[in-house]
N, C-alpha and C. Protein backbone atom coordinates (compact mmCIF):
# COMPACT_ATOMS: atom_id res chain seq x y z
N MET A 1 -10.72 -29.05 -13.33
CA MET A 1 -11.19 -30.22 -12.62
C MET A 1 -10.77 -31.45 -13.42
N ILE A 2 -10.14 -32.39 -12.75
CA ILE A 2 -9.67 -33.63 -13.39
C ILE A 2 -10.81 -34.64 -13.48
N ALA A 3 -11.46 -34.84 -12.38
CA ALA A 3 -12.59 -35.75 -12.30
C ALA A 3 -13.60 -35.11 -11.35
N GLU A 4 -14.75 -35.69 -11.26
CA GLU A 4 -15.78 -35.17 -10.37
C GLU A 4 -15.21 -34.94 -8.97
N GLY A 5 -15.16 -33.67 -8.56
CA GLY A 5 -14.72 -33.34 -7.22
C GLY A 5 -13.22 -33.29 -6.99
N VAL A 6 -12.41 -33.47 -8.05
CA VAL A 6 -10.95 -33.43 -7.90
C VAL A 6 -10.40 -32.28 -8.76
N ASP A 7 -9.68 -31.38 -8.11
CA ASP A 7 -9.13 -30.21 -8.79
C ASP A 7 -7.61 -30.24 -8.74
N VAL A 8 -6.99 -29.70 -9.79
CA VAL A 8 -5.58 -29.38 -9.79
C VAL A 8 -5.52 -27.86 -9.80
N PHE A 9 -4.76 -27.28 -8.88
CA PHE A 9 -4.68 -25.83 -8.84
C PHE A 9 -3.25 -25.39 -8.58
N ARG A 10 -2.96 -24.20 -9.08
CA ARG A 10 -1.60 -23.65 -9.04
C ARG A 10 -1.66 -22.33 -8.29
N VAL A 11 -0.77 -22.16 -7.31
CA VAL A 11 -0.77 -20.94 -6.51
C VAL A 11 0.65 -20.45 -6.28
N LYS A 12 0.80 -19.14 -6.14
CA LYS A 12 2.07 -18.56 -5.72
C LYS A 12 2.35 -19.10 -4.33
N THR A 13 3.59 -19.44 -4.06
CA THR A 13 3.93 -20.01 -2.75
C THR A 13 3.50 -19.04 -1.64
N PRO A 14 2.59 -19.47 -0.77
CA PRO A 14 2.17 -18.60 0.33
C PRO A 14 3.35 -18.25 1.23
N ARG A 15 3.35 -17.04 1.73
CA ARG A 15 4.44 -16.55 2.58
C ARG A 15 4.74 -17.51 3.73
N ALA A 16 3.70 -18.08 4.32
CA ALA A 16 3.88 -18.98 5.47
C ALA A 16 4.61 -20.27 5.12
N LEU A 17 4.68 -20.61 3.82
CA LEU A 17 5.31 -21.87 3.40
C LEU A 17 6.68 -21.69 2.76
N ILE A 18 7.06 -20.46 2.47
CA ILE A 18 8.35 -20.19 1.81
C ILE A 18 9.49 -20.72 2.68
N GLY A 19 10.37 -21.49 2.04
CA GLY A 19 11.56 -22.01 2.71
C GLY A 19 11.33 -23.30 3.49
N LYS A 20 10.09 -23.76 3.57
CA LYS A 20 9.81 -25.01 4.27
C LYS A 20 9.84 -26.16 3.27
N THR A 21 10.16 -27.34 3.77
CA THR A 21 10.07 -28.51 2.90
C THR A 21 8.60 -28.90 2.78
N ILE A 22 8.29 -29.67 1.75
CA ILE A 22 6.92 -30.16 1.57
C ILE A 22 6.51 -30.96 2.80
N GLU A 23 7.43 -31.77 3.31
CA GLU A 23 7.11 -32.59 4.48
C GLU A 23 6.79 -31.71 5.69
N TYR A 24 7.62 -30.73 5.97
CA TYR A 24 7.45 -29.87 7.13
C TYR A 24 6.19 -29.01 7.00
N ALA A 25 5.86 -28.61 5.78
CA ALA A 25 4.68 -27.77 5.56
C ALA A 25 3.38 -28.48 5.94
N SER A 26 3.36 -29.81 5.86
CA SER A 26 2.19 -30.63 6.25
C SER A 26 0.90 -30.23 5.55
N ILE A 27 1.00 -29.85 4.29
CA ILE A 27 -0.18 -29.41 3.55
C ILE A 27 -1.21 -30.53 3.44
N GLN A 28 -0.75 -31.73 3.16
CA GLN A 28 -1.69 -32.84 3.01
C GLN A 28 -2.40 -33.14 4.32
N GLU A 29 -1.66 -33.16 5.41
CA GLU A 29 -2.25 -33.46 6.71
C GLU A 29 -3.21 -32.35 7.16
N GLU A 30 -2.85 -31.10 6.90
CA GLU A 30 -3.66 -29.98 7.38
C GLU A 30 -4.81 -29.61 6.46
N CYS A 31 -4.61 -29.80 5.15
CA CYS A 31 -5.63 -29.34 4.20
C CYS A 31 -6.26 -30.46 3.38
N GLY A 32 -5.56 -31.59 3.25
CA GLY A 32 -6.10 -32.70 2.48
C GLY A 32 -5.73 -32.68 1.01
N CYS A 33 -4.86 -31.75 0.59
CA CYS A 33 -4.43 -31.75 -0.80
C CYS A 33 -2.93 -32.06 -0.86
N SER A 34 -2.49 -32.50 -2.01
CA SER A 34 -1.10 -32.94 -2.18
C SER A 34 -0.36 -32.05 -3.17
N VAL A 35 0.92 -31.80 -2.89
CA VAL A 35 1.78 -31.05 -3.80
C VAL A 35 2.22 -32.02 -4.89
N ILE A 36 1.89 -31.68 -6.14
CA ILE A 36 2.28 -32.53 -7.26
C ILE A 36 3.31 -31.87 -8.16
N GLY A 37 3.62 -30.60 -7.86
CA GLY A 37 4.62 -29.91 -8.65
C GLY A 37 5.08 -28.64 -7.96
N VAL A 38 6.30 -28.22 -8.30
CA VAL A 38 6.87 -26.98 -7.80
C VAL A 38 7.52 -26.29 -8.99
N SER A 39 7.22 -25.01 -9.15
CA SER A 39 7.75 -24.25 -10.27
C SER A 39 8.50 -23.03 -9.73
N ALA A 40 9.73 -22.83 -10.22
CA ALA A 40 10.52 -21.67 -9.82
C ALA A 40 11.63 -21.44 -10.83
N HIS A 41 11.93 -20.17 -11.07
CA HIS A 41 13.06 -19.77 -11.92
C HIS A 41 13.03 -20.44 -13.29
N GLY A 42 11.84 -20.56 -13.86
CA GLY A 42 11.71 -21.09 -15.20
C GLY A 42 11.74 -22.60 -15.33
N SER A 43 11.81 -23.31 -14.22
CA SER A 43 11.78 -24.78 -14.31
C SER A 43 10.69 -25.33 -13.40
N MET A 44 10.23 -26.52 -13.74
CA MET A 44 9.18 -27.15 -12.97
C MET A 44 9.62 -28.55 -12.57
N THR A 45 9.34 -28.90 -11.33
CA THR A 45 9.59 -30.24 -10.83
C THR A 45 8.24 -30.90 -10.61
N ILE A 46 8.00 -32.00 -11.30
CA ILE A 46 6.76 -32.76 -11.15
C ILE A 46 7.01 -33.88 -10.16
N ASN A 47 6.03 -34.14 -9.32
CA ASN A 47 6.14 -35.18 -8.29
C ASN A 47 7.38 -34.97 -7.43
N PRO A 48 7.48 -33.80 -6.80
CA PRO A 48 8.68 -33.48 -6.02
C PRO A 48 8.82 -34.36 -4.78
N PHE A 49 10.06 -34.52 -4.35
CA PHE A 49 10.35 -35.25 -3.12
C PHE A 49 9.85 -34.45 -1.93
N ILE A 50 9.58 -35.11 -0.82
CA ILE A 50 9.10 -34.41 0.37
C ILE A 50 10.16 -33.49 0.96
N GLU A 51 11.41 -33.67 0.56
CA GLU A 51 12.49 -32.81 1.03
C GLU A 51 12.61 -31.53 0.21
N THR A 52 11.79 -31.41 -0.85
CA THR A 52 11.84 -30.22 -1.70
C THR A 52 11.44 -28.99 -0.90
N ILE A 53 12.24 -27.94 -1.02
CA ILE A 53 11.97 -26.68 -0.33
C ILE A 53 11.05 -25.83 -1.21
N LEU A 54 10.01 -25.29 -0.60
CA LEU A 54 9.06 -24.47 -1.33
C LEU A 54 9.68 -23.10 -1.61
N PRO A 55 9.67 -22.68 -2.89
CA PRO A 55 10.45 -21.52 -3.32
C PRO A 55 9.83 -20.16 -2.97
N VAL A 56 10.73 -19.17 -2.85
CA VAL A 56 10.32 -17.80 -2.57
C VAL A 56 9.50 -17.22 -3.72
N ASP A 57 10.06 -17.20 -4.90
CA ASP A 57 9.39 -16.60 -6.05
C ASP A 57 8.89 -17.68 -6.99
N GLY A 58 8.13 -18.62 -6.45
CA GLY A 58 7.66 -19.72 -7.27
C GLY A 58 6.20 -20.02 -7.03
N GLU A 59 5.82 -21.14 -7.57
CA GLU A 59 4.44 -21.60 -7.45
C GLU A 59 4.45 -23.06 -7.04
N ILE A 60 3.37 -23.45 -6.41
CA ILE A 60 3.18 -24.87 -6.11
C ILE A 60 1.91 -25.32 -6.82
N ILE A 61 1.95 -26.56 -7.29
CA ILE A 61 0.81 -27.15 -7.98
C ILE A 61 0.28 -28.23 -7.06
N LEU A 62 -1.02 -28.15 -6.78
CA LEU A 62 -1.64 -29.06 -5.83
C LEU A 62 -2.81 -29.79 -6.46
N ILE A 63 -3.17 -30.93 -5.86
CA ILE A 63 -4.33 -31.68 -6.29
C ILE A 63 -5.13 -32.05 -5.04
N GLY A 64 -6.43 -31.96 -5.16
CA GLY A 64 -7.27 -32.33 -4.03
C GLY A 64 -8.73 -32.12 -4.34
N SER A 65 -9.55 -32.42 -3.37
CA SER A 65 -10.98 -32.23 -3.52
C SER A 65 -11.30 -30.74 -3.47
N VAL A 66 -12.49 -30.39 -3.87
CA VAL A 66 -12.93 -29.01 -3.80
C VAL A 66 -12.83 -28.51 -2.35
N GLU A 67 -13.20 -29.38 -1.43
CA GLU A 67 -13.16 -29.01 -0.01
C GLU A 67 -11.72 -28.77 0.46
N SER A 68 -10.78 -29.61 0.02
CA SER A 68 -9.39 -29.42 0.44
C SER A 68 -8.79 -28.16 -0.18
N GLU A 69 -9.20 -27.85 -1.41
CA GLU A 69 -8.75 -26.61 -2.04
C GLU A 69 -9.24 -25.40 -1.26
N GLU A 70 -10.50 -25.41 -0.88
CA GLU A 70 -11.07 -24.32 -0.07
C GLU A 70 -10.35 -24.20 1.27
N LYS A 71 -10.05 -25.34 1.89
CA LYS A 71 -9.34 -25.35 3.17
C LYS A 71 -7.95 -24.74 3.01
N PHE A 72 -7.25 -25.09 1.92
CA PHE A 72 -5.92 -24.54 1.66
C PHE A 72 -6.00 -23.03 1.53
N PHE A 73 -6.92 -22.53 0.69
CA PHE A 73 -7.02 -21.09 0.49
C PHE A 73 -7.44 -20.37 1.77
N HIS A 74 -8.31 -20.96 2.52
CA HIS A 74 -8.73 -20.34 3.78
C HIS A 74 -7.54 -20.23 4.73
N ARG A 75 -6.76 -21.28 4.82
CA ARG A 75 -5.62 -21.31 5.76
C ARG A 75 -4.48 -20.40 5.32
N TYR A 76 -4.10 -20.45 4.05
CA TYR A 76 -2.90 -19.76 3.61
C TYR A 76 -3.13 -18.40 2.97
N LYS A 77 -4.20 -18.22 2.29
CA LYS A 77 -4.44 -16.92 1.66
C LYS A 77 -4.89 -15.88 2.68
N SER A 78 -5.47 -16.32 3.78
CA SER A 78 -5.87 -15.37 4.81
C SER A 78 -4.65 -14.82 5.56
N GLN A 79 -3.50 -15.47 5.41
CA GLN A 79 -2.27 -15.04 6.08
C GLN A 79 -1.46 -14.07 5.23
N GLU A 80 -1.86 -13.87 3.99
CA GLU A 80 -1.10 -13.00 3.08
C GLU A 80 -1.26 -11.54 3.45
């Protein structure tokens, strides 16, 4: 937790998001959290562009409220 009610969390790229750009994935609009990093193949991109493609064997780093984190996990982890 960064501040009261704000979390940074790291997750394996959900299957439903693999190969989509950050913009197309609409994570912020749908869940309320923002992608602040993408990690794949031993490198990390901080503050990625919206055109960044979410990697197959990577992770995404997100920031948001506790509620937005729960919404993200409910939406994407239930699809795994």
